[in-house]
C-alpha atoms as a PDB file:
ATOM      1  CA  MET A   1     138.294 146.585 313.399  1.00  0.00           C
ATOM      2  CA  SER A   2     137.910 148.836 316.572  1.00  0.00           C
ATOM      3  CA  SER A   3     135.120 151.246 316.199  1.00  0.00           C
ATOM      4  CA  TYR A   4     134.841 152.421 319.902  1.00  0.00           C
ATOM      5  CA  TYR A   5     137.817 155.137 319.948  1.00  0.00           C
ATOM      6  CA  GLU A   6     137.470 156.154 316.659  1.00  0.00           C
ATOM      7  CA  LEU A   7     133.864 156.937 317.374  1.00  0.00           C
ATOM      8  CA  ILE A   8     134.413 159.233 320.257  1.00  0.00           C
ATOM      9  CA  TRP A   9     134.430 162.824 319.118  1.00  0.00           C
ATOM     10  CA  ARG A  10     133.554 166.038 320.519  1.00  0.00           C
ATOM     11  CA  GLU A  11     131.589 169.103 318.058  1.00  0.00           C
ATOM     12  CA  ASN A  12     134.237 171.412 318.967  1.00  0.00           C
ATOM     13  CA  GLU A  13     137.042 169.230 317.834  1.00  0.00           C
ATOM     14  CA  LEU A  14     135.994 167.938 314.786  1.00  0.00           C
ATOM     15  CA  ASP A  15     137.981 170.337 312.478  1.00  0.00           C
ATOM     16  CA  SER A  16     141.192 168.678 314.107  1.00  0.00           C
ATOM     17  CA  TYR A  17     140.485 165.246 313.214  1.00  0.00           C
ATOM     18  CA  PRO A  18     142.459 163.503 310.206  1.00  0.00           C
ATOM     19  CA  THR A  19     140.321 162.766 307.252  1.00  0.00           C
ATOM     20  CA  ASP A  20     140.080 158.855 307.987  1.00  0.00           C
ATOM     21  CA  LYS A  21     138.561 159.446 311.507  1.00  0.00           C
ATOM     22  CA  LEU A  22     135.861 161.613 309.615  1.00  0.00           C
ATOM     23  CA  ASN A  23     135.232 159.187 307.266  1.00  0.00           C
ATOM     24  CA  PHE A  24     134.694 156.659 310.151  1.00  0.00           C
ATOM     25  CA  ILE A  25     132.350 158.865 311.688  1.00  0.00           C
ATOM     26  CA  PHE A  26     130.622 159.885 308.774  1.00  0.00           C
ATOM     27  CA  ASN A  27     129.935 156.307 307.521  1.00  0.00           C
ATOM     28  CA  SER A  28     128.795 155.496 310.833  1.00  0.00           C
ATOM     29  CA  ILE A  29     126.027 158.440 311.456  1.00  0.00           C
ATOM     30  CA  ASN A  30     125.145 158.902 307.730  1.00  0.00           C
ATOM     31  CA  HIS A  31     121.485 157.374 308.218  1.00  0.00           C
ATOM     32  CA  PRO A  32     118.227 158.706 309.989  1.00  0.00           C
ATOM     33  CA  LEU A  33     118.487 158.222 313.735  1.00  0.00           C
ATOM     34  CA  PRO A  34     116.922 154.992 314.680  1.00  0.00           C
ATOM     35  CA  VAL A  35     113.430 155.135 315.808  1.00  0.00           C
ATOM     36  CA  ARG A  36     114.590 152.273 318.158  1.00  0.00           C
ATOM     37  CA  TYR A  37     116.537 155.051 319.962  1.00  0.00           C
ATOM     38  CA  ARG A  38     113.214 156.854 320.594  1.00  0.00           C
ATOM     39  CA  GLN A  39     113.066 154.832 324.024  1.00  0.00           C
ATOM     40  CA  MET A  40     115.928 156.381 325.490  1.00  0.00           C
ATOM     41  CA  TYR A  41     114.173 159.918 325.530  1.00  0.00           C
ATOM     42  CA  ARG A  42     111.985 160.796 327.992  1.00  0.00           C
ATOM     43  CA  ASN A  43     109.337 163.161 325.606  1.00  0.00           C
ATOM     44  CA  ARG A  44     108.727 164.034 322.152  1.00  0.00           C
ATOM     45  CA  LEU A  45     110.768 167.262 322.654  1.00  0.00           C
ATOM     46  CA  GLU A  46     113.864 165.828 323.486  1.00  0.00           C
ATOM     47  CA  TRP A  47     113.622 163.029 320.626  1.00  0.00           C
ATOM     48  CA  GLN A  48     113.225 166.044 318.032  1.00  0.00           C
ATOM     49  CA  LYS A  49     116.207 167.766 319.578  1.00  0.00           C
ATOM     50  CA  ALA A  50     118.313 164.697 319.259  1.00  0.00           C
ATOM     51  CA  VAL A  51     116.995 164.075 315.533  1.00  0.00           C
ATOM     52  CA  ASN A  52     117.826 167.527 314.684  1.00  0.00           C
ATOM     53  CA  GLN A  53     121.464 167.308 316.264  1.00  0.00           C
ATOM     54  CA  HIS A  54     122.262 164.021 314.727  1.00  0.00           C
ATOM     55  CA  ASN A  55     121.244 165.511 311.141  1.00  0.00           C
ATOM     56  CA  ALA A  56     123.247 168.606 312.063  1.00  0.00           C
ATOM     57  CA  THR A  57     126.487 166.593 312.616  1.00  0.00           C
ATOM     58  CA  ILE A  58     126.020 164.665 309.696  1.00  0.00           C
ATOM     59  CA  LYS A  59     126.249 167.494 307.863  1.00  0.00           C
ATOM     60  CA  LYS A  60     128.991 169.353 309.645  1.00  0.00           C
ATOM     61  CA  VAL A  61     131.297 166.173 309.183  1.00  0.00           C
ATOM     62  CA  GLN A  62     130.272 166.153 305.497  1.00  0.00           C
ATOM     63  CA  ASP A  63     131.445 169.802 305.051  1.00  0.00           C
ATOM     64  CA  ILE A  64     134.700 169.247 306.780  1.00  0.00           C
ATOM     65  CA  ILE A  65     135.624 166.220 304.423  1.00  0.00           C
ATOM     66  CA  THR A  66     134.438 168.117 301.410  1.00  0.00           C
ATOM     67  CA  LYS A  67     137.209 170.966 302.173  1.00  0.00           C
ATOM     68  CA  ARG A  68     139.868 168.330 302.806  1.00  0.00           C
ATOM     69  CA  ASP A  69     142.950 168.093 299.905  1.00  0.00           C
ATOM     70  CA  ASP A  70     143.069 164.383 300.844  1.00  0.00           C
ATOM     71  CA  ALA A  71     139.484 163.507 300.798  1.00  0.00           C
ATOM     72  CA  HIS A  72     139.740 161.636 297.684  1.00  0.00           C
ATOM     73  CA  ASN A  73     142.318 159.306 298.279  1.00  0.00           C
ATOM     74  CA  VAL A  74     141.097 158.415 301.640  1.00  0.00           C
ATOM     75  CA  ARG A  75     138.206 157.395 300.100  1.00  0.00           C
ATOM     76  CA  ASP A  76     139.872 155.226 297.749  1.00  0.00           C
ATOM     77  CA  ILE A  77     141.489 153.667 300.632  1.00  0.00           C
ATOM     78  CA  TRP A  78     138.673 153.057 302.355  1.00  0.00           C
ATOM     79  CA  LEU A  79     136.655 151.412 299.448  1.00  0.00           C
ATOM     80  CA  LYS A  80     139.802 148.868 299.200  1.00  0.00           C
ATOM     81  CA  GLN A  81     139.978 147.920 303.069  1.00  0.00           C
ATOM     82  CA  HIS A  82     136.401 147.612 303.925  1.00  0.00           C
ATOM     83  CA  ASN A  83     135.769 145.430 300.271  1.00  0.00           C
ATOM     84  CA  GLN A  84     138.540 143.443 301.579  1.00  0.00           C
ATOM     85  CA  THR A  85     137.128 142.968 305.060  1.00  0.00           C
ATOM     86  CA  ALA A  86     133.874 142.116 303.660  1.00  0.00           C
ATOM     87  CA  ALA A  87     135.327 139.416 301.851  1.00  0.00           C
ATOM     88  CA  GLU A  88     136.696 138.081 304.765  1.00  0.00           C
ATOM     89  CA  ALA A  89     133.879 138.290 306.919  1.00  0.00           C
ATOM     90  CA  LYS A  90     130.830 137.920 304.828  1.00  0.00           C
ATOM     91  CA  ASP A  91     128.522 136.945 307.769  1.00  0.00           C
ATOM     92  CA  GLY A  92     128.569 140.711 309.159  1.00  0.00           C
ATOM     93  CA  LEU A  93     124.908 141.916 309.989  1.00  0.00           C
ATOM     94  CA  THR A  94     123.326 145.602 309.825  1.00  0.00           C
ATOM     95  CA  ALA A  95     121.698 146.781 312.990  1.00  0.00           C
ATOM     96  CA  GLU A  96     118.264 145.871 311.390  1.00  0.00           C
ATOM     97  CA  GLN A  97     119.278 142.325 310.526  1.00  0.00           C
ATOM     98  CA  ILE A  98     120.346 141.894 314.343  1.00  0.00           C
ATOM     99  CA  ALA A  99     117.295 143.644 315.707  1.00  0.00           C
ATOM    100  CA  ASN A 100     115.029 141.135 313.573  1.00  0.00           C
ATOM    101  CA  LYS A 101     116.937 138.178 315.222  1.00  0.00           C
ATOM    102  CA  LEU A 102     116.838 139.556 319.008  1.00  0.00           C
ATOM    103  CA  PRO A 103     112.682 140.861 318.768  1.00  0.00           C
ATOM    104  CA  HIS A 104     112.701 141.230 322.909  1.00  0.00           C
ATOM    105  CA  MET A 105     115.440 143.759 322.583  1.00  0.00           C
ATOM    106  CA  THR A 106     114.535 145.667 319.160  1.00  0.00           C
ATOM    107  CA  ASN A 107     113.477 148.880 321.100  1.00  0.00           C
ATOM    108  CA  GLN A 108     116.690 149.198 323.170  1.00  0.00           C
ATOM    109  CA  LEU A 109     119.352 147.594 320.813  1.00  0.00           C
ATOM    110  CA  GLY A 110     120.658 151.061 320.444  1.00  0.00           C
ATOM    111  CA  ALA A 111     121.333 151.617 324.128  1.00  0.00           C
ATOM    112  CA  PHE A 112     122.761 148.114 324.271  1.00  0.00           C
ATOM    113  CA  MET A 113     125.207 149.036 321.558  1.00  0.00           C
ATOM    114  CA  GLU A 114     126.199 151.947 323.183  1.00  0.00           C
ATOM    115  CA  ILE A 115     126.886 150.195 326.748  1.00  0.00           C
ATOM    116  CA  GLU A 116     128.796 147.381 325.776  1.00  0.00           C
ATOM    117  CA  ASN A 117     130.802 149.600 322.829  1.00  0.00           C
ATOM    118  CA  ILE A 118     129.706 147.180 320.067  1.00  0.00           C
ATOM    119  CA  GLU A 119     132.406 147.554 317.542  1.00  0.00           C
ATOM    120  CA  ILE A 120     131.835 147.927 313.656  1.00  0.00           C
ATOM    121  CA  LYS A 121     133.468 145.237 312.015  1.00  0.00           C
ATOM    122  CA  TYR A 122     133.170 146.717 308.274  1.00  0.00           C
ATOM    123  CA  PHE A 123     130.869 148.815 305.975  1.00  0.00           C
ATOM    124  CA  ASP A 124     129.428 147.035 303.207  1.00  0.00           C
ATOM    125  CA  ASP A 125     128.951 148.219 299.591  1.00  0.00           C
ATOM    126  CA  GLU A 126     126.619 150.815 300.841  1.00  0.00           C
ATOM    127  CA  PHE A 127     128.742 151.427 303.499  1.00  0.00           C
ATOM    128  CA  LYS A 128     126.381 150.410 306.173  1.00  0.00           C
ATOM    129  CA  PRO A 129     128.010 149.306 309.310  1.00  0.00           C
ATOM    130  CA  ARG A 130     128.327 145.402 309.633  1.00  0.00           C
ATOM    131  CA  TYR A 131     128.331 143.675 312.939  1.00  0.00           C
ATOM    132  CA  ASP A 132     129.029 140.242 314.499  1.00  0.00           C
ATOM    133  CA  LEU A 133     126.329 138.415 315.811  1.00  0.00           C
ATOM    134  CA  ASN A 134     128.299 137.119 318.463  1.00  0.00           C
ATOM    135  CA  ASP A 135     129.040 140.454 320.198  1.00  0.00           C
ATOM    136  CA  PHE A 136     125.161 140.508 321.019  1.00  0.00           C
ATOM    137  CA  LYS A 137     125.220 137.289 322.905  1.00  0.00           C
ATOM    138  CA  ASP A 138     124.447 139.184 326.364  1.00  0.00           C
ATOM    139  CA  ILE A 139     120.921 139.569 324.879  1.00  0.00           C
ATOM    140  CA  PHE A 140     120.289 136.521 323.457  1.00  0.00           C
ATOM    141  CA  GLU A 141     117.017 135.310 324.311  1.00  0.00           C
ATOM    142  CA  GLU A 142     118.363 132.385 326.361  1.00  0.00           C
ATOM    143  CA  ASN A 143     120.930 134.849 328.103  1.00  0.00           C
ATOM    144  CA  TYR A 144     119.601 138.118 328.751  1.00  0.00           C
ATOM    145  CA  LYS A 145     117.489 137.529 332.062  1.00  0.00           C
ATOM    146  CA  ASP A 146     120.581 136.171 333.478  1.00  0.00           C
ATOM    147  CA  SER A 147     123.114 138.610 332.256  1.00  0.00           C
ATOM    148  CA  GLY A 148     121.384 141.521 333.842  1.00  0.00           C
ATOM    149  CA  PHE A 149     119.908 143.263 330.600  1.00  0.00           C
ATOM    150  CA  LYS A 150     116.061 143.271 330.619  1.00  0.00           C
ATOM    151  CA  GLN A 151     113.833 144.506 327.968  1.00  0.00           C
ATOM    152  CA  THR A 152     113.493 148.184 329.205  1.00  0.00           C
ATOM    153  CA  ALA A 153     116.375 148.213 331.701  1.00  0.00           C
ATOM    154  CA  MET A 154     119.501 146.579 333.355  1.00  0.00           C
ATOM    155  CA  THR A 155     120.718 146.031 336.648  1.00  0.00           C
ATOM    156  CA  LYS A 156     123.254 148.009 338.320  1.00  0.00           C
ATOM    157  CA  ASP A 157     125.584 144.766 338.723  1.00  0.00           C
ATOM    158  CA  ALA A 158     125.648 144.336 334.942  1.00  0.00           C
ATOM    159  CA  LEU A 159     127.003 147.983 334.571  1.00  0.00           C
ATOM    160  CA  LEU A 160     129.439 147.527 337.327  1.00  0.00           C
ATOM    161  CA  LYS A 161     130.696 143.914 335.770  1.00  0.00           C
ATOM    162  CA  LEU A 162     131.168 145.773 332.354  1.00  0.00           C
ATOM    163  CA  TYR A 163     132.927 148.624 333.965  1.00  0.00           C
ATOM    164  CA  PRO A 164     134.797 147.443 337.227  1.00  0.00           C
ATOM    165  CA  GLN A 165     136.362 150.764 337.113  1.00  0.00           C
ATOM    166  CA  ILE A 166     133.310 152.277 338.327  1.00  0.00           C
ATOM    167  CA  ASN A 167     132.790 152.947 341.603  1.00  0.00           C
ATOM    168  CA  LYS A 168     129.538 151.675 342.918  1.00  0.00           C
ATOM    169  CA  GLN A 169     128.983 154.837 345.185  1.00  0.00           C
ATOM    170  CA  ASP A 170     130.057 157.190 342.248  1.00  0.00           C
ATOM    171  CA  LEU A 171     127.649 155.535 340.075  1.00  0.00           C
ATOM    172  CA  ASP A 172     124.731 155.775 343.144  1.00  0.00           C
ATOM    173  CA  ASN A 173     125.843 159.442 343.251  1.00  0.00           C
ATOM    174  CA  VAL A 174     125.382 160.125 339.605  1.00  0.00           C
ATOM    175  CA  LEU A 175     122.184 158.553 339.631  1.00  0.00           C
ATOM    176  CA  GLU A 176     120.815 160.722 342.497  1.00  0.00           C
ATOM    177  CA  MET A 177     121.896 163.901 340.594  1.00  0.00           C
ATOM    178  CA  ALA A 178     119.870 162.610 337.782  1.00  0.00           C
ATOM    179  CA  ASP A 179     116.676 162.061 339.966  1.00  0.00           C
ATOM    180  CA  TYR A 180     116.907 158.578 339.273  1.00  0.00           C
ATOM    181  CA  GLU A 181     113.964 156.097 340.573  1.00  0.00           C
ATOM    182  CA  PRO A 182     114.424 152.498 340.604  1.00  0.00           C
ATOM    183  CA  GLU A 183     111.981 150.314 338.687  1.00  0.00           C
ATOM    184  CA  THR A 184     111.056 146.679 338.652  1.00  0.00           C
ATOM    185  CA  GLU A 185     111.423 144.093 336.286  1.00  0.00           C
ATOM    186  CA  ASP A 186     110.915 140.559 336.363  1.00  0.00           C
ATOM    187  CA  GLY A 187     111.053 140.845 340.197  1.00  0.00           C
ATOM    188  CA  VAL A 188     114.439 142.672 339.877  1.00  0.00           C
ATOM    189  CA  GLU A 189     115.464 146.053 340.589  1.00  0.00           C
ATOM    190  CA  VAL A 190     116.655 147.761 337.605  1.00  0.00           C
ATOM    191  CA  MET A 191     117.716 151.358 336.069  1.00  0.00           C
ATOM    192  CA  PRO A 192     116.206 152.105 332.440  1.00  0.00           C
ATOM    193  CA  TYR A 193     118.716 152.160 329.622  1.00  0.00           C
ATOM    194  CA  TRP A 194     118.338 155.832 329.531  1.00  0.00           C
ATOM    195  CA  TYR A 195     119.892 156.393 332.866  1.00  0.00           C
ATOM    196  CA  ALA A 196     122.363 153.378 332.380  1.00  0.00           C
ATOM    197  CA  VAL A 197     123.843 154.731 328.788  1.00  0.00           C
ATOM    198  CA  ASN A 198     124.360 158.458 330.419  1.00  0.00           C
ATOM    199  CA  ALA A 199     126.086 157.050 333.579  1.00  0.00           C
ATOM    200  CA  LYS A 200     128.509 155.202 331.154  1.00  0.00           C
ATOM    201  CA  ARG A 201     128.865 158.368 329.221  1.00  0.00           C
ATOM    202  CA  MET A 202     130.047 160.208 332.400  1.00  0.00           C
ATOM    203  CA  LEU A 203     131.647 157.694 334.458  1.00  0.00           C
ATOM    204  CA  VAL A 204     133.631 155.777 331.503  1.00  0.00           C
ATOM    205  CA  ASP A 205     133.467 158.348 328.777  1.00  0.00           C
ATOM    206  CA  GLY A 206     134.113 161.335 330.872  1.00  0.00           C
ATOM    207  CA  ASP A 207     131.367 163.130 329.415  1.00  0.00           C
ATOM    208  CA  SER A 208     129.991 166.170 331.741  1.00  0.00           C
ATOM    209  CA  PHE A 209     126.588 165.902 333.543  1.00  0.00           C
ATOM    210  CA  GLU A 210     125.283 168.719 331.498  1.00  0.00           C
ATOM    211  CA  ALA A 211     126.446 166.989 328.072  1.00  0.00           C
ATOM    212  CA  THR A 212     124.805 163.723 329.348  1.00  0.00           C
ATOM    213  CA  PHE A 213     121.325 163.944 331.588  1.00  0.00           C
ATOM    214  CA  ASP A 214     121.145 167.660 330.506  1.00  0.00           C
ATOM    215  CA  ASP A 215     121.683 167.288 326.895  1.00  0.00           C
END
Protein backbone atom coordinates (compact mmCIF):
# COMPACT_ATOMS: atom_id res chain seq x y z
CA MET A 1 0.00 0.00 0.00
CA SER A 2 1.61 3.23 -1.10
CA SER A 3 1.51 5.97 1.48
CA TYR A 4 4.08 8.44 0.14
CA TYR A 5 1.86 10.26 -2.34
CA GLU A 6 -1.20 9.94 -0.13
CA LEU A 7 0.63 11.69 2.68
CA ILE A 8 1.73 14.66 0.60
CA TRP A 9 -0.66 17.50 1.27
CA ARG A 10 -0.83 21.23 1.70
CA GLU A 11 -2.78 22.97 4.44
CA ASN A 12 -4.59 25.26 2.03
CA GLU A 13 -5.73 22.31 -0.13
CA LEU A 14 -7.19 20.01 2.52
CA ASP A 15 -10.79 20.97 1.69
CA SER A 16 -10.30 19.79 -1.90
CA TYR A 17 -9.08 16.27 -1.04
CA PRO A 18 -11.42 13.25 -1.27
CA THR A 19 -12.58 11.78 2.03
CA ASP A 20 -10.49 8.65 1.50
CA LYS A 21 -7.25 10.65 1.38
CA LEU A 22 -8.33 12.69 4.39
CA ASN A 23 -8.86 9.44 6.31
CA PHE A 24 -5.36 8.31 5.37
CA ILE A 25 -3.88 11.58 6.54
CA PHE A 26 -5.90 11.60 9.76
CA ASN A 27 -5.06 8.04 10.76
CA SER A 28 -1.38 8.68 10.05
CA ILE A 29 -1.06 11.84 12.14
CA ASN A 30 -3.65 11.27 14.88
CA HIS A 31 -1.15 10.82 17.70
CA PRO A 32 1.12 13.12 19.69
CA LEU A 33 4.16 14.28 17.76
CA PRO A 34 6.81 11.67 18.72
CA VAL A 35 9.43 12.98 21.13
CA ARG A 36 12.15 11.46 18.93
CA TYR A 37 11.33 14.19 16.35
CA ARG A 38 12.64 16.72 18.89
CA GLN A 39 16.13 16.09 17.54
CA MET A 40 15.09 17.66 14.22
CA TYR A 41 14.47 21.09 15.79
CA ARG A 42 17.18 23.44 16.86
CA ASN A 43 15.53 24.81 20.00
CA ARG A 44 12.56 24.39 22.31
CA LEU A 45 10.58 27.21 20.69
CA GLU A 46 10.76 25.62 17.23
CA TRP A 47 9.79 22.24 18.73
CA GLN A 48 6.74 23.70 20.50
CA LYS A 49 5.70 25.45 17.31
CA ALA A 50 5.85 22.11 15.48
CA VAL A 51 3.77 20.43 18.21
CA ASN A 52 1.11 23.13 18.03
CA GLN A 53 1.01 22.94 14.24
CA HIS A 54 0.70 19.15 14.36
CA ASN A 55 -2.25 19.31 16.78
CA ALA A 56 -3.94 22.03 14.74
CA THR A 57 -3.64 19.93 11.58
CA ILE A 58 -5.21 16.91 13.27
CA LYS A 59 -8.21 19.00 14.33
CA LYS A 60 -8.55 20.63 10.92
CA VAL A 61 -8.55 17.30 9.07
CA GLN A 62 -11.03 15.80 11.55
CA ASP A 63 -13.36 18.78 11.21
CA ILE A 64 -13.36 18.50 7.42
CA ILE A 65 -14.09 14.76 7.52
CA THR A 66 -16.96 15.28 9.97
CA LYS A 67 -18.67 17.61 7.50
CA ARG A 68 -18.44 15.16 4.59
CA ASP A 69 -21.62 13.32 3.56
CA ASP A 70 -19.66 10.18 2.65
CA ALA A 71 -17.59 10.04 5.86
CA HIS A 72 -19.45 7.03 7.31
CA ASN A 73 -19.31 4.94 4.12
CA VAL A 74 -15.63 5.68 3.58
CA ARG A 75 -14.85 4.67 7.17
CA ASP A 76 -16.64 1.33 6.69
CA ILE A 77 -14.56 0.66 3.58
CA TRP A 78 -11.40 1.53 5.48
CA LEU A 79 -12.19 -0.91 8.27
CA LYS A 80 -12.74 -3.75 5.80
CA GLN A 81 -9.69 -2.95 3.69
CA HIS A 82 -7.18 -2.61 6.51
CA ASN A 83 -8.48 -5.54 8.53
CA GLN A 84 -7.98 -7.71 5.44
CA THR A 85 -4.49 -6.34 4.85
CA ALA A 86 -3.57 -6.89 8.49
CA ALA A 87 -4.71 -10.52 8.26
CA GLU A 88 -2.42 -11.04 5.26
CA ALA A 89 0.57 -9.21 6.80
CA LYS A 90 0.55 -9.98 10.49
CA ASP A 91 4.20 -9.10 11.02
CA GLY A 92 3.81 -5.34 10.60
CA LEU A 93 5.41 -3.27 13.37
CA THR A 94 4.52 0.10 14.85
CA ALA A 95 7.07 2.92 14.80
CA GLU A 96 7.66 2.35 18.51
CA GLN A 97 8.42 -1.33 17.93
CA ILE A 98 10.80 -0.44 15.10
CA ALA A 99 12.56 2.03 17.40
CA ASN A 100 13.00 -0.66 20.06
CA LYS A 101 14.64 -2.94 17.50
CA LEU A 102 16.95 -0.16 16.30
CA PRO A 103 17.99 1.58 19.55
CA HIS A 104 21.05 3.18 17.91
CA MET A 105 18.66 5.18 15.66
CA THR A 106 15.72 5.76 18.00
CA ASN A 107 16.16 9.54 18.18
CA GLN A 108 16.38 9.93 14.41
CA LEU A 109 13.91 7.29 13.24
CA GLY A 110 11.37 9.90 12.16
CA ALA A 111 13.98 11.69 10.05
CA PHE A 112 14.97 8.42 8.37
CA MET A 113 11.33 7.60 7.60
CA GLU A 114 10.90 11.03 6.04
CA ILE A 115 14.09 10.82 3.98
CA GLU A 116 13.42 7.32 2.62
CA ASN A 117 9.64 7.81 2.27
CA ILE A 118 8.93 4.67 4.32
CA GLU A 119 5.50 3.36 3.38
CA ILE A 120 2.74 2.44 5.80
CA LYS A 121 1.77 -1.14 5.01
CA TYR A 122 -1.56 -1.09 6.81
CA PHE A 123 -3.39 0.25 9.88
CA ASP A 124 -4.09 -2.13 12.76
CA ASP A 125 -7.29 -2.51 14.79
CA GLU A 126 -6.49 0.70 16.67
CA PHE A 127 -5.67 2.45 13.37
CA LYS A 128 -1.99 2.69 14.25
CA PRO A 129 0.30 2.63 11.19
CA ARG A 130 2.23 -0.61 10.73
CA TYR A 131 5.51 -0.89 8.84
CA ASP A 132 7.69 -3.59 7.31
CA LEU A 133 10.94 -3.95 9.26
CA ASN A 134 12.83 -4.76 6.05
CA ASP A 135 12.16 -1.24 4.78
CA PHE A 136 14.56 -0.05 7.50
CA LYS A 137 17.48 -2.26 6.41
CA ASP A 138 19.71 0.74 5.65
CA ILE A 139 19.84 1.49 9.35
CA PHE A 140 20.14 -2.06 10.67
CA GLU A 141 23.08 -2.02 13.06
CA GLU A 142 25.21 -4.08 10.69
CA ASN A 143 24.41 -1.79 7.71
CA TYR A 144 23.94 1.80 8.78
CA LYS A 145 27.58 2.89 9.00
CA ASP A 146 28.27 1.70 5.44
CA SER A 147 24.97 3.00 4.02
CA GLY A 148 25.83 6.60 4.88
CA PHE A 149 23.33 6.90 7.72
CA LYS A 150 24.78 7.77 11.12
CA GLN A 151 23.27 8.22 14.56
CA THR A 152 22.91 11.99 14.28
CA ALA A 153 23.44 12.73 10.60
CA MET A 154 23.94 11.29 7.10
CA THR A 155 26.38 11.79 4.25
CA LYS A 156 25.56 13.88 1.20
CA ASP A 157 26.40 10.88 -0.97
CA ALA A 158 23.71 8.80 0.77
CA LEU A 159 21.06 11.42 -0.02
CA LEU A 160 22.25 11.76 -3.63
CA LYS A 161 22.18 7.97 -4.04
CA LEU A 162 18.59 7.83 -2.81
CA TYR A 163 17.56 10.65 -5.14
CA PRO A 164 19.74 10.63 -8.28
CA GLN A 165 17.53 13.38 -9.72
CA ILE A 166 19.08 15.82 -7.22
CA ASN A 167 21.92 17.83 -8.71
CA LYS A 168 24.84 17.98 -6.28
CA GLN A 169 25.34 21.69 -6.92
CA ASP A 170 21.67 22.35 -6.18
CA LEU A 171 22.07 20.51 -2.88
CA ASP A 172 25.15 22.54 -2.02
CA ASN A 173 23.30 25.76 -2.89
CA VAL A 174 20.35 24.90 -0.65
CA LEU A 175 22.61 24.00 2.26
CA GLU A 176 24.55 27.26 1.82
CA MET A 177 21.29 29.22 1.95
CA ALA A 178 20.48 27.43 5.21
CA ASP A 179 23.85 28.39 6.76
CA TYR A 180 24.83 24.73 6.89
CA GLU A 181 28.13 23.76 8.42
CA PRO A 182 29.31 20.15 7.98
CA GLU A 183 29.90 17.95 10.98
CA THR A 184 31.97 14.83 11.48
CA GLU A 185 30.83 11.47 12.82
CA ASP A 186 32.96 8.30 12.83
CA GLY A 187 35.59 10.26 10.90
CA VAL A 188 33.18 11.01 8.04
CA GLU A 189 31.78 14.39 6.99
CA VAL A 190 28.01 14.37 7.48
CA MET A 191 25.01 16.71 7.52
CA PRO A 192 22.59 16.63 10.47
CA TYR A 193 19.21 15.06 9.70
CA TRP A 194 17.42 18.39 10.14
CA TYR A 195 19.26 19.71 7.08
CA ALA A 196 18.88 16.47 5.12
CA VAL A 197 15.11 16.29 5.68
CA ASN A 198 14.52 19.90 4.67
CA ALA A 199 16.84 19.69 1.66
CA LYS A 200 14.90 16.64 0.49
CA ARG A 201 11.60 18.47 0.97
CA MET A 202 12.86 21.32 -1.22
CA LEU A 203 14.67 19.41 -3.95
CA VAL A 204 12.40 16.36 -4.22
CA ASP A 205 8.98 17.32 -2.86
CA GLY A 206 9.06 20.83 -4.28
CA ASP A 207 8.49 22.76 -1.04
CA SER A 208 9.79 26.30 -0.75
CA PHE A 209 12.72 27.41 1.40
CA GLU A 210 10.30 29.35 3.60
CA ALA A 211 8.12 26.25 4.13
CA THR A 212 11.09 24.11 5.11
CA PHE A 213 14.12 25.78 6.68
CA ASP A 214 12.24 28.93 7.76
CA ASP A 215 9.02 27.19 8.88
